[in-house]
């Protein structure tokens, strides 16, 4: 009976260590991630401009970018 309790404690410790390791890895990976760039999109229908990180659909084409901000004002300069 005591032996099964010991096995349970070891299993619990291994699972806890694994979960903690995964959390640390996720936090480290997110700390190194960069935000997605913004692009200015032009409507094929009327030429209107919109700023978005993702394509707006088949009725839009990428006009300019990439930008650092959601207003498409700060152009990202290549190093």
Foldseek 3Di string as FASTA:
>chain_A
DVVVVVVVVVVVVVVVVVVVVVVVVVVVVVVPDDDQFKFWKAFQVPRDIAIDSDDPDPRIDTDDAGADDRVRPHGDDDD
